[in-house]
Amino acid sequence: MEKAVSWKKILIFAIAVCLFAGIIVKCNQFQKTPLASYKGQKYEKAVVTKIIKDNLAEDGSRYGTQKVLVKMTTGTYKGKEKQAINPSGTLFGADCKVGARIIVIVNKSGTNTGFTVYSQDRTMAIYGFVLIFAAVVCAIGGKKGVYAILSLVFAFACIIGIMFPMMYRGISPIVLTIIVAVLTTIVTLGLLGGYSSKTVSAILGTAIGVVIAAVAAMAFGKAAGITGYNVSDIEALNYVGQNTKIKIGELLFAGIIISALGAVMDVGMSIASTIQEIYETDKTLSMKRLFVSGINVGRDMMGTMTNTLIFAYVGGAMTTLVINYAYDLSYRQLANSYVIGIEIMQGLSGSLGVVLTVPITALIASFLAVRKK
């Protein structure tokens, strides 16, 4: 009997994966508008075999140029040694040493081919840390850890495979983000907690909390005169918006929704689980008593979760904040700048979503728990 149930679950999972993959394929069946010319340009892997000329500064910054001999390990010239120029700077190039693994830009124009060092090859470092992260989560979390990794993969697939392509086609980023947030919440909490009244409470509480964060951000933006066009990358975004159907003015608020999702989801699931456990311990408790218990637990979580969001936003804007501090800007100039306004809007709207998720989830979870009687 257990084997039959297991095979049934596997079959349902396989069908769901196939349907999800089909949706992603369908969403990506369109032609992108070329925003830049990459004709004759490819990025290939290589290994430095010799330093021919080194003009990099020796002051520790290692800025300047190098001429190096590299052995190509991918692409048309795989296995061949080629001379490459390394314009080492802050954002491009690399401090090349013999044996260093690098990425080379191969520029082909007619019969001429040029080789330029783009950066250090970071793919193995990225893959290594991803594997370590997955292994640690699975080792500590066991079965739940595996489900956590699967839900994370699903979330990234939704964002990259569905949300971005649909934004590109002109669908509202805010609407798309809310849909993806709700879908991700359903799958994540369903995998981790199973589909029960507890999960339903957490899903509804999280969905409402995320919507509250979005509404709060838009209300703050309206009151403070902040729009999605006041971000630092607006020149590049305007160019993208002029050549595609992406509604760039909504991207800022869509980002706030995604940023708040994790913390809101955590609070929603914690409150729902707590109320469920309390009810299982004493099924004579009233809805009001369960609600009060949920609020009491939620009060302890509010401080930590709001701090989590605020610290996350401060960390993301650390360089900007330090620059403003170093220039010793006046209070009025600083408080009324777009950068500070946006950071405050992000932090407070996300935190408001977290705080209001507590009573909303507590109310829903209490109602569903007592309703089972």
Protein backbone atom coordinates (compact mmCIF):
# COMPACT_ATOMS: atom_id res chain seq x y z
CA MET A 1 0.00 0.00 0.00
CA GLU A 2 2.81 2.41 0.96
CA LYS A 3 4.64 1.56 -2.27
CA ALA A 4 1.49 2.35 -4.29
CA VAL A 5 1.13 5.70 -2.52
CA SER A 6 4.82 6.43 -3.12
CA TRP A 7 4.53 5.69 -6.85
CA LYS A 8 1.41 7.87 -7.01
CA LYS A 9 3.31 10.78 -5.44
CA ILE A 10 6.21 10.29 -7.85
CA LEU A 11 3.82 10.25 -10.82
CA ILE A 12 2.06 13.42 -9.66
CA PHE A 13 5.43 15.10 -9.08
CA ALA A 14 6.67 14.07 -12.55
CA ILE A 15 3.51 15.39 -14.22
CA ALA A 16 3.79 18.67 -12.28
CA VAL A 17 7.44 19.08 -13.31
CA CYS A 18 6.58 18.41 -16.98
CA LEU A 19 3.72 20.93 -16.89
CA PHE A 20 5.93 23.53 -15.19
CA ALA A 21 8.70 22.96 -17.75
CA GLY A 22 6.14 23.32 -20.55
CA ILE A 23 4.95 26.65 -19.11
CA ILE A 24 8.54 27.93 -18.94
CA VAL A 25 9.21 26.87 -22.55
CA LYS A 26 5.98 28.55 -23.69
CA CYS A 27 6.78 31.77 -21.80
CA ASN A 28 10.20 31.98 -23.48
CA GLN A 29 9.01 31.49 -27.06
CA PHE A 30 9.65 35.01 -28.35
CA GLN A 31 12.39 36.97 -30.07
CA LYS A 32 14.31 39.46 -27.97
CA THR A 33 15.03 42.93 -29.34
CA PRO A 34 18.83 43.26 -29.72
CA LEU A 35 19.96 46.12 -27.45
CA ALA A 36 23.66 45.80 -28.27
CA SER A 37 25.71 44.21 -31.02
CA TYR A 38 27.56 41.04 -30.02
CA LYS A 39 28.31 39.96 -33.57
CA GLY A 40 31.62 38.13 -33.76
CA GLN A 41 32.05 38.28 -29.97
CA LYS A 42 32.24 35.22 -27.72
CA TYR A 43 33.25 34.58 -24.12
CA GLU A 44 35.47 31.51 -23.73
CA LYS A 45 37.47 29.86 -20.95
CA ALA A 46 41.27 29.82 -20.95
CA VAL A 47 44.33 29.20 -18.76
CA VAL A 48 47.27 31.63 -18.54
CA THR A 49 50.48 29.86 -19.63
CA LYS A 50 52.91 32.79 -19.79
CA ILE A 51 53.19 36.48 -18.84
CA ILE A 52 54.70 38.19 -21.88
CA LYS A 53 54.56 41.79 -20.63
CA ASP A 54 53.44 43.21 -17.29
CA ASN A 55 52.66 46.92 -16.79
CA LEU A 56 50.41 46.51 -13.75
CA ALA A 57 51.00 48.91 -10.87
CA GLU A 58 52.87 47.43 -7.91
CA ASP A 59 51.09 49.55 -5.28
CA GLY A 60 48.69 46.74 -4.41
CA SER A 61 45.92 47.88 -6.77
CA ARG A 62 47.39 45.98 -9.74
CA TYR A 63 45.83 48.36 -12.29
CA GLY A 64 47.30 48.64 -15.79
CA THR A 65 47.78 46.24 -18.70
CA GLN A 66 49.35 42.86 -19.31
CA LYS A 67 50.13 40.90 -22.43
CA VAL A 68 49.68 37.20 -21.70
CA LEU A 69 49.80 33.87 -23.50
CA VAL A 70 46.68 31.81 -22.85
CA LYS A 71 45.62 28.28 -23.73
CA MET A 72 41.98 28.23 -24.81
CA THR A 73 39.94 25.49 -23.13
CA THR A 74 36.57 26.07 -24.86
CA GLY A 75 35.26 27.29 -28.20
CA THR A 76 36.68 27.31 -31.73
CA TYR A 77 40.27 27.77 -30.57
CA LYS A 78 40.16 25.06 -27.88
CA GLY A 79 43.64 23.63 -27.22
CA LYS A 80 45.42 26.48 -29.02
CA GLU A 81 47.66 29.12 -27.42
CA LYS A 82 46.83 32.75 -28.17
CA GLN A 83 48.16 36.14 -27.10
CA ALA A 84 45.66 38.21 -25.13
CA ILE A 85 45.60 41.73 -23.74
CA ASN A 86 44.60 42.10 -20.09
CA PRO A 87 43.35 45.65 -19.27
CA SER A 88 43.20 45.06 -15.52
CA GLY A 89 40.95 47.53 -13.70
CA THR A 90 38.24 47.72 -11.05
CA LEU A 91 35.48 46.02 -13.05
CA PHE A 92 37.23 44.28 -15.94
CA GLY A 93 40.34 42.21 -16.46
CA ALA A 94 42.21 40.12 -13.91
CA ASP A 95 45.56 40.01 -12.14
CA CYS A 96 46.90 37.26 -14.41
CA LYS A 97 49.44 34.77 -13.13
CA VAL A 98 50.67 31.56 -14.77
CA GLY A 99 48.05 28.87 -14.22
CA ALA A 100 45.21 31.33 -13.57
CA ARG A 101 41.84 30.33 -15.03
CA ILE A 102 40.25 33.25 -16.87
CA ILE A 103 37.46 34.25 -19.23
CA VAL A 104 38.59 35.63 -22.59
CA ILE A 105 36.57 37.78 -25.01
CA VAL A 106 37.16 36.50 -28.54
CA ASN A 107 36.43 39.32 -31.02
CA LYS A 108 36.28 38.26 -34.65
CA SER A 109 36.06 40.93 -37.36
CA GLY A 110 36.55 39.63 -40.88
CA THR A 111 39.85 37.76 -40.96
CA ASN A 112 41.14 39.42 -37.77
CA THR A 113 40.62 37.94 -34.32
CA GLY A 114 41.44 39.67 -31.05
CA PHE A 115 41.68 38.17 -27.56
CA THR A 116 40.99 40.24 -24.42
CA VAL A 117 40.91 39.07 -20.80
CA TYR A 118 37.42 39.70 -19.40
CA SER A 119 37.75 38.40 -15.83
CA GLN A 120 38.84 35.59 -13.58
CA ASP A 121 36.88 32.37 -14.20
CA ARG A 122 34.51 32.32 -11.22
CA THR A 123 32.24 29.48 -12.33
CA MET A 124 33.92 26.78 -10.21
CA ALA A 125 33.82 29.00 -7.11
CA ILE A 126 30.11 29.67 -7.66
CA TYR A 127 29.27 26.01 -8.29
CA GLY A 128 31.37 24.97 -5.30
CA PHE A 129 29.61 27.32 -2.87
CA VAL A 130 26.20 26.34 -4.25
CA LEU A 131 27.00 22.65 -3.69
CA ILE A 132 28.32 23.33 -0.17
CA PHE A 133 25.18 25.33 0.65
CA ALA A 134 22.89 22.57 -0.69
CA ALA A 135 24.86 19.86 1.15
CA VAL A 136 24.72 21.74 4.48
CA VAL A 137 20.98 22.43 4.15
CA CYS A 138 20.26 18.78 3.28
CA ALA A 139 22.57 17.42 6.01
CA ILE A 140 21.04 19.55 8.77
CA GLY A 141 17.46 19.63 7.47
CA GLY A 142 17.22 16.05 6.24
CA LYS A 143 14.06 15.53 4.19
CA LYS A 144 12.90 19.07 4.94
CA GLY A 145 16.29 20.33 3.76
CA VAL A 146 15.83 18.60 0.40
CA TYR A 147 12.37 20.16 0.11
CA ALA A 148 13.87 23.56 0.97
CA ILE A 149 16.38 23.24 -1.88
CA LEU A 150 13.63 22.13 -4.27
CA SER A 151 11.48 25.11 -3.30
CA LEU A 152 14.46 27.43 -3.81
CA VAL A 153 15.06 25.99 -7.29
CA PHE A 154 11.35 26.41 -8.04
CA ALA A 155 11.44 30.06 -6.92
CA PHE A 156 14.43 30.85 -9.15
CA ALA A 157 12.81 29.02 -12.07
CA CYS A 158 9.63 31.08 -11.60
CA ILE A 159 11.55 34.36 -11.49
CA ILE A 160 13.92 33.68 -14.39
CA GLY A 161 11.75 31.41 -16.54
CA ILE A 162 8.31 33.02 -16.11
CA MET A 163 8.43 36.44 -14.43
CA PHE A 164 11.22 38.02 -16.49
CA PRO A 165 9.91 36.79 -19.89
CA MET A 166 6.39 37.96 -19.06
CA MET A 167 7.74 41.37 -17.96
CA TYR A 168 9.55 41.55 -21.29
CA ARG A 169 6.23 40.98 -23.06
CA GLY A 170 4.68 43.99 -21.33
CA ILE A 171 2.78 42.45 -18.41
CA SER A 172 2.80 44.53 -15.20
CA PRO A 173 5.88 43.67 -13.05
CA ILE A 174 3.88 44.33 -9.86
CA VAL A 175 1.08 41.94 -10.85
CA LEU A 176 3.59 39.33 -12.02
CA THR A 177 5.62 39.60 -8.82
CA ILE A 178 2.54 39.15 -6.62
CA ILE A 179 1.49 36.09 -8.65
CA VAL A 180 4.99 34.57 -8.48
CA ALA A 181 5.21 35.39 -4.76
CA VAL A 182 1.91 33.62 -4.05
CA LEU A 183 2.84 30.65 -6.27
CA THR A 184 6.25 30.34 -4.61
CA THR A 185 4.63 30.55 -1.18
CA ILE A 186 2.14 27.78 -2.02
CA VAL A 187 4.87 25.43 -3.28
CA THR A 188 7.43 26.26 -0.56
CA LEU A 189 5.07 25.99 2.41
CA GLY A 190 3.31 23.00 0.86
CA LEU A 191 6.59 21.10 0.50
CA LEU A 192 7.82 22.01 3.98
CA GLY A 193 4.60 21.65 5.96
CA GLY A 194 2.34 19.51 3.80
CA TYR A 195 -1.04 20.75 2.66
CA SER A 196 -3.16 21.26 5.79
CA SER A 197 -5.10 24.03 7.52
CA LYS A 198 -1.79 25.21 8.99
CA THR A 199 -0.29 25.59 5.52
CA VAL A 200 -3.42 27.28 4.18
CA SER A 201 -3.24 29.81 7.04
CA ALA A 202 0.43 30.50 6.36
CA ILE A 203 -0.16 30.85 2.61
CA LEU A 204 -3.07 33.27 3.02
CA GLY A 205 -1.24 35.28 5.69
CA THR A 206 1.90 35.50 3.55
CA ALA A 207 -0.02 36.48 0.41
CA ILE A 208 -1.89 39.24 2.24
CA GLY A 209 1.32 40.43 3.94
CA VAL A 210 3.13 40.70 0.61
CA VAL A 211 0.25 42.66 -0.92
CA ILE A 212 0.28 44.99 2.12
CA ALA A 213 4.02 45.60 1.60
CA ALA A 214 3.38 46.45 -2.07
CA VAL A 215 0.48 48.81 -1.26
CA ALA A 216 2.49 50.49 1.51
CA ALA A 217 5.44 51.04 -0.84
CA MET A 218 3.23 52.57 -3.53
CA ALA A 219 1.46 54.79 -0.97
CA PHE A 220 4.80 55.98 0.44
CA GLY A 221 6.08 56.59 -3.09
CA LYS A 222 2.99 58.63 -3.94
CA ALA A 223 3.26 60.72 -0.76
CA ALA A 224 7.01 61.30 -1.09
CA GLY A 225 7.02 61.83 -4.86
CA ILE A 226 9.16 58.74 -5.49
CA THR A 227 8.60 56.67 -8.61
CA GLY A 228 10.34 53.77 -10.30
CA TYR A 229 12.11 56.33 -12.49
CA ASN A 230 14.15 57.73 -9.59
CA VAL A 231 16.56 54.78 -9.32
CA SER A 232 20.30 55.06 -9.98
CA ASP A 233 20.24 52.91 -13.15
CA ILE A 234 17.50 54.94 -14.83
CA GLU A 235 19.56 55.82 -17.95
CA ALA A 236 20.13 52.15 -18.78
CA LEU A 237 16.54 51.30 -17.81
CA ASN A 238 15.13 54.06 -20.03
CA TYR A 239 17.04 52.63 -22.98
CA VAL A 240 15.64 49.18 -22.22
CA GLY A 241 12.13 50.60 -21.79
CA GLN A 242 12.29 52.46 -25.10
CA ASN A 243 13.25 49.32 -27.00
CA THR A 244 11.11 46.74 -25.20
CA LYS A 245 7.67 46.49 -23.60
CA ILE A 246 9.06 46.31 -20.05
CA LYS A 247 7.24 48.72 -17.71
CA ILE A 248 10.37 50.00 -15.99
CA GLY A 249 8.45 52.35 -13.69
CA GLU A 250 7.06 49.36 -11.76
CA LEU A 251 10.35 47.48 -11.29
CA LEU A 252 11.24 49.28 -8.04
CA PHE A 253 7.99 48.23 -6.36
CA ALA A 254 8.21 44.71 -7.78
CA GLY A 255 11.65 44.43 -6.18
CA ILE A 256 10.23 45.45 -2.79
CA ILE A 257 7.66 42.64 -3.00
CA ILE A 258 10.33 40.03 -3.74
CA SER A 259 12.60 41.39 -1.00
CA ALA A 260 9.86 41.18 1.64
CA LEU A 261 8.62 37.72 0.62
CA GLY A 262 11.14 35.65 2.61
CA ALA A 263 10.61 37.43 5.92
CA VAL A 264 6.82 37.55 5.50
CA MET A 265 6.74 33.84 4.63
CA ASP A 266 8.84 33.00 7.70
CA VAL A 267 6.52 34.92 10.02
CA GLY A 268 3.39 33.47 8.42
CA MET A 269 4.54 29.86 8.76
CA SER A 270 5.83 30.36 12.32
CA ILE A 271 2.57 31.88 13.56
CA ALA A 272 0.43 29.24 11.83
CA SER A 273 2.59 26.39 13.20
CA THR A 274 2.51 27.83 16.73
CA ILE A 275 -1.27 28.13 16.79
CA GLN A 276 -1.65 24.63 15.37
CA GLU A 277 0.65 23.19 18.07
CA ILE A 278 -1.19 25.05 20.85
CA TYR A 279 -4.53 23.80 19.56
CA GLU A 280 -3.30 20.20 19.32
CA THR A 281 -2.17 20.44 22.97
CA ASP A 282 -5.53 21.74 24.19
CA LYS A 283 -8.47 21.47 21.80
CA THR A 284 -10.82 23.20 24.24
CA LEU A 285 -9.20 26.59 23.60
CA SER A 286 -11.40 29.21 21.97
CA MET A 287 -10.60 31.11 18.79
CA LYS A 288 -9.95 34.26 20.84
CA ARG A 289 -7.46 32.46 23.12
CA LEU A 290 -5.62 30.97 20.13
CA PHE A 291 -5.52 34.37 18.44
CA VAL A 292 -4.04 36.03 21.55
CA SER A 293 -1.41 33.28 21.81
CA GLY A 294 -0.46 33.82 18.18
CA ILE A 295 -0.16 37.57 18.73
CA ASN A 296 2.04 37.04 21.80
CA VAL A 297 4.41 34.81 19.83
CA GLY A 298 4.32 37.22 16.90
CA ARG A 299 5.37 40.15 19.05
CA ASP A 300 8.66 38.42 19.79
CA MET A 301 9.20 37.81 16.08
CA MET A 302 8.36 41.33 14.91
CA GLY A 303 11.56 42.87 16.22
CA THR A 304 13.88 40.25 14.75
CA MET A 305 12.13 40.10 11.38
CA THR A 306 11.90 43.86 10.92
CA ASN A 307 15.58 44.08 11.85
CA THR A 308 16.31 41.38 9.28
CA LEU A 309 14.71 43.44 6.52
CA ILE A 310 16.21 46.76 7.60
CA PHE A 311 19.71 45.26 7.89
CA ALA A 312 19.31 43.59 4.48
CA TYR A 313 18.46 46.90 2.82
CA VAL A 314 21.21 48.76 4.68
CA GLY A 315 23.69 46.09 3.61
CA GLY A 316 22.62 46.43 -0.01
CA ALA A 317 23.03 50.20 0.09
CA MET A 318 26.15 50.25 2.28
CA THR A 319 28.46 51.83 -0.32
CA THR A 320 25.95 54.59 -1.09
CA LEU A 321 25.37 55.33 2.60
CA VAL A 322 29.11 55.47 3.32
CA ILE A 323 29.65 57.87 0.38
CA ASN A 324 26.90 60.16 1.70
CA TYR A 325 28.42 60.04 5.18
CA ALA A 326 31.92 60.79 3.87
CA TYR A 327 30.70 63.85 1.94
CA ASP A 328 29.11 65.16 5.16
CA LEU A 329 25.83 66.09 3.49
CA SER A 330 23.39 68.27 5.42
CA TYR A 331 20.32 66.65 7.00
CA ARG A 332 17.87 68.34 4.61
CA GLN A 333 19.89 67.33 1.56
CA LEU A 334 20.27 63.75 2.77
CA ALA A 335 16.69 63.26 3.99
CA ASN A 336 15.23 64.58 0.74
CA SER A 337 17.48 62.67 -1.68
CA TYR A 338 15.91 59.96 -3.81
CA VAL A 339 18.44 57.34 -2.68
CA ILE A 340 17.64 57.71 1.02
CA GLY A 341 13.91 57.98 0.32
CA ILE A 342 13.93 54.74 -1.67
CA GLU A 343 15.87 52.88 1.02
CA ILE A 344 13.47 54.08 3.74
CA MET A 345 10.49 53.15 1.57
CA GLN A 346 11.86 49.65 0.99
CA GLY A 347 12.69 49.02 4.63
CA LEU A 348 9.50 50.38 6.17
CA SER A 349 7.04 48.95 3.63
CA GLY A 350 8.57 45.48 3.91
CA SER A 351 8.59 45.72 7.71
CA LEU A 352 4.95 46.85 7.70
CA GLY A 353 4.08 43.76 5.67
CA VAL A 354 5.89 41.58 8.23
CA VAL A 355 4.20 43.20 11.24
CA LEU A 356 0.67 42.99 9.80
CA THR A 357 1.22 39.38 8.72
CA VAL A 358 1.22 38.44 12.42
CA PRO A 359 -2.41 39.37 13.31
CA ILE A 360 -3.70 38.34 9.87
CA THR A 361 -2.15 34.87 10.02
CA ALA A 362 -3.10 34.48 13.69
CA LEU A 363 -6.73 35.30 12.87
CA ILE A 364 -6.89 32.91 9.90
CA ALA A 365 -5.06 30.09 11.72
CA SER A 366 -7.27 30.45 14.83
CA PHE A 367 -10.43 30.39 12.74
CA LEU A 368 -9.39 27.32 10.74
CA ALA A 369 -8.19 25.46 13.85
CA VAL A 370 -11.45 25.97 15.77
CA ARG A 371 -13.53 25.35 12.63
CA LYS A 372 -12.23 21.75 12.56
CA LYS A 373 -14.40 20.99 15.59
